[in-house]
Protein backbone atom coordinates (compact mmCIF):
# COMPACT_ATOMS: atom_id res chain seq x y z
CA MET A 1 0.00 0.00 0.00
CA ILE A 2 2.81 2.41 0.88
CA LEU A 3 4.66 1.52 -2.31
CA LYS A 4 1.60 2.46 -4.38
CA LEU A 5 1.31 5.79 -2.53
CA LEU A 6 4.99 6.60 -3.10
CA LEU A 7 4.68 5.68 -6.77
CA LEU A 8 1.63 7.94 -7.13
CA ILE A 9 3.49 10.85 -5.50
CA ALA A 10 6.46 10.30 -7.82
CA VAL A 11 4.23 10.31 -10.91
CA VAL A 12 2.44 13.49 -9.81
CA ALA A 13 5.78 15.20 -9.10
CA ALA A 14 7.16 14.15 -12.50
CA VAL A 15 4.09 15.49 -14.31
CA TYR A 16 4.37 18.78 -12.39
CA PHE A 17 8.06 19.29 -13.19
CA LEU A 18 7.69 18.28 -16.84
CA PHE A 19 4.60 20.29 -17.76
CA PHE A 20 3.90 23.03 -15.23
CA LYS A 21 7.18 24.33 -13.85
CA LYS A 22 8.70 27.09 -15.99
CA PRO A 23 12.46 27.14 -16.59
CA SER A 24 14.44 29.58 -14.50
CA LEU A 25 16.05 32.62 -16.12
CA LYS A 26 18.66 32.93 -13.40
CA LYS A 27 22.32 32.55 -14.25
CA LYS A 28 25.26 32.14 -11.94
CA GLY A 29 27.62 35.13 -11.86
CA ASP A 30 31.34 35.02 -11.16
CA SER A 31 30.76 35.99 -7.52
CA GLY A 32 28.43 33.06 -6.88
CA ARG A 33 25.31 35.21 -6.62
CA THR A 34 22.35 34.49 -8.86
CA GLU A 35 21.52 37.21 -11.34
CA VAL A 36 18.46 37.58 -13.55
CA LYS A 37 19.58 38.67 -17.00
CA ASP A 38 17.06 39.89 -19.53
CA GLU A 39 18.71 41.30 -22.62
CA GLY A 40 15.63 43.27 -23.72
CA ASP A 41 15.76 45.52 -20.64
CA GLU A 42 19.31 46.86 -21.01
CA MET A 43 19.45 50.66 -21.12
CA VAL A 44 22.29 52.84 -22.41
CA PRO A 45 22.80 56.61 -22.11
CA CYS A 46 22.72 58.84 -25.18
CA ALA A 47 26.20 60.26 -25.91
CA SER A 48 24.69 63.67 -26.75
CA CYS A 49 21.89 64.41 -24.27
CA GLY A 50 22.39 61.69 -21.62
CA THR A 51 18.86 60.29 -21.88
CA TYR A 52 18.69 56.55 -21.27
CA VAL A 53 17.27 54.55 -24.14
CA ALA A 54 16.66 50.82 -24.61
CA LEU A 55 19.62 49.14 -26.28
CA GLU A 56 17.41 47.69 -29.01
CA ASP A 57 16.10 51.21 -29.88
CA ALA A 58 19.44 53.04 -29.67
CA ILE A 59 21.39 54.22 -32.72
CA LEU A 60 25.02 53.07 -32.70
CA SER A 61 27.53 55.33 -34.45
CA ASN A 62 31.32 55.35 -33.98
CA GLY A 63 31.05 53.22 -30.85
CA LYS A 64 28.56 55.58 -29.14
CA TYR A 65 24.82 55.19 -28.59
CA TYR A 66 22.32 57.92 -29.48
CA CYS A 67 18.62 58.18 -28.64
CA SER A 68 17.51 59.80 -31.91
CA SER A 69 18.77 60.99 -35.28
CA GLU A 70 18.63 64.60 -34.01
CA CYS A 71 21.14 63.79 -31.25
CA LEU A 72 23.27 61.92 -33.79
CA LYS A 73 23.43 64.98 -36.07
CA GLY A 74 23.89 67.50 -33.23
């Protein structure tokens, strides 16, 4: 009877971990602390006006990031 109960618990746990638990986004850093890294949220300052802009929206020119074409020209 106990063997059947343990087997049932093992099957339920396996189904939970396979289908319902989401993978972790945490990565181990060099210092041993866990860090959550999401590349879409990285912000960089504009070289001209200093406004922070998302890296995916920034304009890269001569190794510097700009928030708009006006700041790039100015």
